[in-house]
N, C-alpha and C. Protein backbone atom coordinates (compact mmCIF):
# COMPACT_ATOMS: atom_id res chain seq x y z
N MET A 1 0.36 -1.10 0.07
CA MET A 1 0.19 -0.26 -0.20
C MET A 1 1.16 1.39 0.09
N ALA A 2 0.74 2.19 -0.54
CA ALA A 2 0.80 3.62 -1.24
C ALA A 2 0.98 4.70 0.75
N LYS A 3 2.46 5.02 0.76
CA LYS A 3 2.33 6.20 1.92
C LYS A 3 1.22 7.34 1.39
N LYS A 4 1.04 7.60 2.52
CA LYS A 4 -0.02 8.95 2.63
C LYS A 4 1.25 10.30 2.24
N GLN A 5 0.53 10.59 1.36
CA GLN A 5 2.47 12.08 0.65
C GLN A 5 1.98 12.94 1.83
N THR A 6 3.02 13.21 2.35
CA THR A 6 3.05 14.69 3.56
C THR A 6 3.42 15.82 3.01
N ARG A 7 3.96 15.70 1.74
CA ARG A 7 4.82 17.35 1.18
C ARG A 7 3.83 17.38 0.41
N ARG A 8 3.56 18.60 -0.20
CA ARG A 8 2.96 19.05 -0.40
C ARG A 8 4.14 20.61 -1.40
N SER A 9 2.66 21.28 -2.52
CA SER A 9 4.62 21.75 -3.36
C SER A 9 3.48 23.37 -3.51
N VAL A 10 4.23 24.05 -3.97
CA VAL A 10 3.46 25.56 -3.97
C VAL A 10 4.57 26.56 -5.25
N SER A 11 3.26 27.04 -5.82
CA SER A 11 4.76 27.77 -6.88
C SER A 11 5.04 29.10 -6.44
N ILE A 12 6.01 29.57 -6.70
CA ILE A 12 6.98 31.26 -6.37
C ILE A 12 7.24 31.62 -7.98
N ARG A 13 7.33 32.78 -7.95
CA ARG A 13 8.09 33.40 -8.69
C ARG A 13 9.44 33.04 -9.11
N GLY A 14 10.25 32.82 -10.37
CA GLY A 14 11.62 32.43 -10.51
C GLY A 14 12.43 33.22 -9.73
N SER A 15 11.97 34.87 -9.92
CA SER A 15 13.28 35.50 -8.90
C SER A 15 12.97 35.12 -7.28
N THR A 16 12.06 34.75 -6.57
CA THR A 16 11.90 34.55 -5.37
C THR A 16 12.55 33.57 -4.84
N TYR A 17 12.19 32.52 -5.91
CA TYR A 17 13.29 31.35 -6.07
C TYR A 17 14.64 31.86 -5.82
N GLU A 18 15.30 32.01 -6.74
CA GLU A 18 16.88 32.39 -6.89
C GLU A 18 17.15 33.06 -5.95
N GLN A 19 16.27 33.95 -5.00
CA GLN A 19 17.08 34.99 -4.11
C GLN A 19 17.18 33.30 -2.78
N ILE A 20 15.51 32.76 -2.06
CA ILE A 20 15.44 32.05 -1.26
C ILE A 20 17.19 31.13 -1.99
N ARG A 21 17.38 30.67 -2.95
CA ARG A 21 17.78 29.26 -3.13
C ARG A 21 19.28 30.24 -2.93
N LYS A 22 20.03 31.12 -3.28
CA LYS A 22 21.34 32.08 -3.06
C LYS A 22 21.04 32.45 -1.42
N TYR A 23 19.97 32.60 -1.02
CA TYR A 23 20.32 32.42 0.77
C TYR A 23 20.21 31.03 1.07
N CYS A 24 19.53 30.39 0.58
CA CYS A 24 19.70 29.33 1.48
C CYS A 24 21.28 28.75 1.35
N GLU A 25 21.93 28.84 -0.35
CA GLU A 25 23.14 28.70 -0.10
C GLU A 25 24.39 29.12 0.42
N ARG A 26 24.11 30.01 0.55
CA ARG A 26 25.12 31.16 1.45
C ARG A 26 24.95 30.67 2.85
N ASN A 27 24.12 30.25 3.98
CA ASN A 27 23.24 30.10 5.08
C ASN A 27 23.71 28.28 5.08
N ASN A 28 24.11 28.04 4.03
CA ASN A 28 24.09 26.24 4.20
C ASN A 28 23.12 25.59 5.09
N VAL A 29 21.58 25.92 4.65
CA VAL A 29 20.08 25.53 4.76
C VAL A 29 19.85 24.94 3.40
N SER A 30 18.58 24.06 3.78
CA SER A 30 18.19 23.83 2.64
C SER A 30 16.91 24.47 2.02
N MET A 31 16.42 25.06 1.36
CA MET A 31 15.27 25.70 0.89
C MET A 31 14.14 25.74 1.52
N SER A 32 13.39 23.87 1.86
CA SER A 32 12.17 23.15 2.54
C SER A 32 12.45 23.83 3.86
N GLU A 33 13.24 23.45 4.24
CA GLU A 33 13.47 23.89 6.39
C GLU A 33 13.39 25.32 6.01
N PHE A 34 14.05 26.41 5.34
CA PHE A 34 14.41 27.78 5.34
C PHE A 34 12.13 28.16 5.33
N VAL A 35 12.23 27.38 4.46
CA VAL A 35 10.95 28.08 3.98
C VAL A 35 10.16 27.39 5.11
N GLU A 36 10.52 26.01 6.05
CA GLU A 36 8.92 25.84 7.05
C GLU A 36 9.41 26.66 7.91
N GLU A 37 10.55 27.03 8.13
CA GLU A 37 10.28 28.02 9.21
C GLU A 37 10.20 29.17 9.45
N GLN A 38 10.22 30.02 7.81
CA GLN A 38 9.61 30.95 7.78
C GLN A 38 8.04 30.91 7.99
N ILE A 39 7.65 29.78 7.50
CA ILE A 39 5.61 29.98 7.37
C ILE A 39 5.74 29.41 9.24
N ALA A 40 7.22 28.78 9.83
CA ALA A 40 5.92 28.67 11.23
C ALA A 40 6.25 30.21 12.13
N HIS A 41 7.33 30.48 11.70
CA HIS A 41 6.95 31.61 12.34
C HIS A 41 6.12 32.59 12.58
N PHE A 42 6.11 32.73 10.78
CA PHE A 42 4.92 33.29 11.02
C PHE A 42 3.70 33.25 11.87
N PHE A 43 3.10 32.55 11.19
CA PHE A 43 1.83 31.45 12.14
C PHE A 43 2.50 31.35 13.67
N GLY A 44 3.56 31.82 14.38
CA GLY A 44 3.68 32.03 15.48
C GLY A 44 3.94 30.53 16.08
N ASN A 45 4.38 29.06 15.45
CA ASN A 45 4.46 28.23 15.97
C ASN A 45 6.22 27.45 16.03
N GLY A 46 6.60 28.50 16.32
CA GLY A 46 7.89 28.08 16.84
C GLY A 46 8.76 29.35 16.11
N GLY A 47 10.22 28.62 16.67
CA GLY A 47 11.12 29.98 15.78
C GLY A 47 12.50 28.63 15.22
N SER A 48 13.13 29.50 14.52
CA SER A 48 14.02 29.07 13.99
C SER A 48 15.40 27.96 15.45
N LYS A 49 15.63 27.10 14.47
CA LYS A 49 16.59 25.89 15.08
C LYS A 49 18.11 27.04 15.06
N ARG A 50 18.65 27.53 14.09
CA ARG A 50 19.74 27.64 14.07
C ARG A 50 19.45 29.04 14.52
N GLU A 51 20.99 29.77 14.86
CA GLU A 51 20.46 31.76 14.92
C GLU A 51 20.66 32.21 14.01
N GLU A 52 19.90 33.42 13.82
CA GLU A 52 20.34 34.07 12.67
C GLU A 52 20.87 35.63 13.32
N SER A 53 21.26 36.22 12.31
CA SER A 53 21.57 38.48 12.30
C SER A 53 20.28 37.94 12.32
N ALA A 54 19.69 39.30 12.62
CA ALA A 54 19.14 40.70 12.52
C ALA A 54 18.96 40.73 11.18
N GLU A 55 19.69 40.99 10.07
CA GLU A 55 19.26 41.64 8.75
C GLU A 55 19.30 39.96 8.16
N GLU A 56 19.16 38.92 9.11
CA GLU A 56 18.94 37.83 8.05
C GLU A 56 17.21 37.58 7.89
N ARG A 57 17.23 38.20 9.16
CA ARG A 57 15.48 37.65 9.64
C ARG A 57 14.52 38.26 9.06
N ILE A 58 13.55 37.25 8.08
CA ILE A 58 12.35 38.52 7.60
C ILE A 58 11.46 38.63 8.33
N GLU A 59 10.86 39.65 8.11
CA GLU A 59 9.97 40.25 9.20
C GLU A 59 8.12 40.11 8.66
N PRO A 60 7.63 39.73 9.47
CA PRO A 60 6.25 39.53 8.81
C PRO A 60 5.57 40.30 7.90
N ASP A 61 5.97 41.41 7.58
CA ASP A 61 5.63 42.44 7.22
C ASP A 61 6.09 42.11 5.29
N GLN A 62 7.43 41.52 5.21
CA GLN A 62 8.10 41.22 3.85
C GLN A 62 7.01 39.75 3.74
N LEU A 63 6.84 39.11 4.54
CA LEU A 63 6.67 37.41 4.79
C LEU A 63 4.92 37.86 3.72
N GLN A 64 4.55 38.53 4.03
CA GLN A 64 3.21 39.09 3.43
C GLN A 64 3.48 39.59 2.02
N ASP A 65 4.55 40.44 2.07
CA ASP A 65 4.53 41.52 0.38
C ASP A 65 4.96 39.40 -0.26
N ALA A 66 5.96 38.41 0.52
CA ALA A 66 6.12 37.63 -0.55
C ALA A 66 5.03 36.60 -0.77
N ALA A 67 3.87 36.73 -0.07
CA ALA A 67 2.59 35.90 -0.07
C ALA A 67 1.69 36.32 -1.45
N ARG A 68 1.78 37.29 -2.24
CA ARG A 68 1.56 37.52 -2.75
C ARG A 68 2.12 36.47 -3.68
N TYR A 69 3.00 36.25 -3.95
CA TYR A 69 4.17 35.32 -5.44
C TYR A 69 3.46 33.67 -4.90
N PHE A 70 3.15 33.31 -4.03
CA PHE A 70 2.67 32.18 -3.28
C PHE A 70 1.60 31.53 -3.52
N THR A 71 1.33 29.82 -4.57
CA THR A 71 -0.17 29.91 -4.74
C THR A 71 -0.14 28.56 -4.08
N PHE A 72 -1.27 28.42 -2.98
CA PHE A 72 -1.37 27.23 -2.36
C PHE A 72 -2.96 26.55 -2.59
């Protein structure tokens, strides 16, 4: 019997994807981990497992702007 799928895909603009990819590459973190952490932070479900500087942290208003580019 097949396992129940627990992962889902979202569509984002290419420019947003490249920004996330470059950030993750510089910070040695997977893209899925980064996106999941930022979404959890937005919804108040916990913080990051790793330390971030203030300039690396994405603020809620930035996430709201980015939300225009996500398709769920």
